């Protein structure tokens, strides 16, 4: 009985490690400067231009589990990002949002092709009506 439990535990641990490795390999995120990557800046707030910080919730339909979403290194390629506003945005100060609170908390899709060596500044751009869309408001050569 003990030997059987050990074999099933070893098999289960092996399965968990294999799925973890597969999930890591499938991730578009990069953890090393030596790997070619683009940089996404998400935590900028430009009040005069009505641009607010966003968070990436899904990449190509897969949930992200990243809590460090101020600066993200990502492999070059074409992606579909689902983004939401961060909690930094005080919706009471946004024009027209008192009636449109559900729109403010909804995810918005943004399709973007990123290139290695480039930096992309992404934020939520608010219209006078209170609706917002994610947009790349600046691109430049990546600093790292």
Protein backbone atom coordinates (compact mmCIF):
# COMPACT_ATOMS: atom_id res chain seq x y z
CA UNK A 1 0.00 0.00 0.00
CA UNK A 2 2.82 2.42 0.91
CA UNK A 3 4.71 1.65 -2.31
CA UNK A 4 1.57 2.24 -4.36
CA UNK A 5 1.00 5.64 -2.68
CA UNK A 6 4.61 6.66 -3.37
CA UNK A 7 4.33 5.69 -7.04
CA UNK A 8 1.10 7.67 -7.45
CA UNK A 9 2.62 10.68 -5.64
CA UNK A 10 5.72 10.57 -7.87
CA UNK A 11 3.50 10.34 -10.94
CA UNK A 12 1.38 13.27 -9.75
CA UNK A 13 4.44 15.44 -9.03
CA UNK A 14 5.86 14.61 -12.46
CA UNK A 15 2.58 15.57 -14.11
CA UNK A 16 2.46 18.88 -12.22
CA UNK A 17 6.06 19.71 -13.17
CA UNK A 18 5.39 18.87 -16.83
CA UNK A 19 2.32 21.09 -16.94
CA UNK A 20 4.23 23.90 -15.23
CA UNK A 21 7.03 23.64 -17.79
CA UNK A 22 4.52 23.64 -20.66
CA UNK A 23 2.77 26.72 -19.24
CA UNK A 24 6.07 28.52 -18.83
CA UNK A 25 7.17 27.73 -22.37
CA UNK A 26 3.84 28.93 -23.78
CA UNK A 27 4.05 32.25 -21.97
CA UNK A 28 4.84 35.28 -24.14
CA UNK A 29 6.54 37.01 -21.21
CA UNK A 30 10.33 37.23 -20.96
CA UNK A 31 12.41 37.19 -17.77
CA UNK A 32 15.87 37.94 -19.18
CA UNK A 33 17.36 40.89 -21.03
CA UNK A 34 19.38 38.51 -23.18
CA UNK A 35 16.20 37.23 -24.89
CA UNK A 36 14.91 39.51 -27.69
CA UNK A 37 11.90 41.38 -26.32
CA UNK A 38 9.67 44.42 -26.47
CA UNK A 39 8.81 46.49 -23.38
CA UNK A 40 5.26 47.43 -22.37
CA UNK A 41 4.80 50.33 -19.96
CA UNK A 42 1.34 50.22 -18.36
CA UNK A 43 1.53 52.38 -15.24
CA UNK A 44 1.57 55.92 -16.60
CA UNK A 45 -1.05 58.48 -15.64
CA UNK A 46 -1.29 61.61 -17.79
CA UNK A 47 -4.25 63.57 -16.44
CA UNK A 48 -4.21 66.46 -18.98
CA UNK A 49 -4.28 63.99 -21.89
CA UNK A 50 -6.92 61.84 -20.12
CA UNK A 51 -4.70 58.74 -20.23
CA UNK A 52 -4.86 56.36 -17.29
CA UNK A 53 -3.02 53.16 -16.27
CA UNK A 54 -4.29 49.75 -17.38
CA UNK A 55 -3.67 46.12 -16.48
CA UNK A 56 -3.44 43.24 -18.89
CA UNK A 57 -5.91 40.49 -17.90
CA UNK A 58 -5.58 38.18 -20.87
CA UNK A 59 -3.11 37.63 -23.69
CA UNK A 60 -4.51 35.82 -26.72
CA UNK A 61 -7.47 34.63 -24.65
CA UNK A 62 -5.35 33.19 -21.81
CA UNK A 63 -5.49 34.69 -18.33
CA UNK A 64 -2.29 36.24 -17.05
CA UNK A 65 -1.23 35.76 -13.47
CA UNK A 66 1.19 38.66 -13.34
CA UNK A 67 0.95 41.04 -10.41
CA UNK A 68 4.00 43.07 -11.50
CA UNK A 69 2.31 44.98 -14.28
CA UNK A 70 4.14 48.27 -14.38
CA UNK A 71 6.75 47.23 -16.93
CA UNK A 72 6.45 43.99 -18.89
CA UNK A 73 8.98 42.35 -21.19
CA UNK A 74 7.28 40.35 -23.94
CA UNK A 75 8.45 38.32 -26.91
CA UNK A 76 8.09 39.97 -30.32
CA UNK A 77 4.91 39.05 -32.15
CA UNK A 78 1.27 39.86 -32.74
CA UNK A 79 -0.98 39.71 -29.68
CA UNK A 80 -4.53 40.33 -28.57
CA UNK A 81 -4.55 41.94 -25.11
CA UNK A 82 -7.64 42.22 -22.91
CA UNK A 83 -7.11 45.17 -20.59
CA UNK A 84 -8.94 46.79 -17.67
CA UNK A 85 -8.46 50.03 -15.81
CA UNK A 86 -6.30 49.86 -12.71
CA UNK A 87 -7.69 50.73 -9.30
CA UNK A 88 -5.76 54.02 -9.47
CA UNK A 89 -8.50 55.51 -11.65
CA UNK A 90 -11.10 57.37 -9.57
CA UNK A 91 -14.20 56.98 -11.72
CA UNK A 92 -16.04 59.77 -9.91
CA UNK A 93 -13.72 62.33 -11.53
CA UNK A 94 -14.16 61.09 -15.08
CA UNK A 95 -16.70 63.07 -17.12
CA UNK A 96 -19.82 61.11 -18.01
CA UNK A 97 -18.88 58.00 -16.04
CA UNK A 98 -21.45 58.31 -13.28
CA UNK A 99 -24.02 56.82 -15.68
CA UNK A 100 -21.53 54.53 -17.44
CA UNK A 101 -19.78 52.76 -14.57
CA UNK A 102 -20.28 49.30 -16.19
CA UNK A 103 -18.39 50.49 -19.30
CA UNK A 104 -15.51 51.68 -17.14
CA UNK A 105 -14.96 48.26 -15.53
CA UNK A 106 -15.32 46.20 -18.70
CA UNK A 107 -12.37 44.60 -20.43
CA UNK A 108 -11.39 46.09 -23.76
CA UNK A 109 -9.52 44.23 -26.48
CA UNK A 110 -6.41 45.67 -28.05
CA UNK A 111 -4.55 44.03 -30.93
CA UNK A 112 -0.89 44.93 -31.15
CA UNK A 113 2.20 43.76 -33.01
CA UNK A 114 5.30 44.33 -30.87
CA UNK A 115 8.86 44.41 -32.18
CA UNK A 116 12.07 43.54 -30.38
CA UNK A 117 13.95 46.58 -29.11
CA UNK A 118 10.89 48.84 -28.95
CA UNK A 119 9.00 50.24 -25.97
CA UNK A 120 5.22 50.70 -26.05
CA UNK A 121 3.38 52.97 -23.62
CA UNK A 122 -0.19 51.70 -23.22
CA UNK A 123 -3.01 53.43 -21.39
CA UNK A 124 -6.75 54.00 -21.27
CA UNK A 125 -7.75 57.07 -23.29
CA UNK A 126 -11.01 58.63 -22.08
CA UNK A 127 -13.40 60.45 -24.38
CA UNK A 128 -15.61 63.32 -23.21
CA UNK A 129 -18.54 60.88 -23.16
CA UNK A 130 -16.83 58.86 -20.43
CA UNK A 131 -16.06 55.85 -22.62
CA UNK A 132 -12.48 54.67 -22.89
CA UNK A 133 -10.34 52.61 -25.22
CA UNK A 134 -6.86 51.19 -24.73
CA UNK A 135 -4.25 52.81 -26.93
CA UNK A 136 -0.53 53.00 -27.50
CA UNK A 137 0.15 56.66 -26.80
CA UNK A 138 3.91 56.52 -27.31
CA UNK A 139 6.55 54.26 -28.83
CA UNK A 140 10.31 54.57 -28.62
CA UNK A 141 13.51 52.57 -28.69
CA UNK A 142 13.64 50.38 -25.59
CA UNK A 143 16.12 51.47 -22.90
CA UNK A 144 16.62 47.91 -21.65
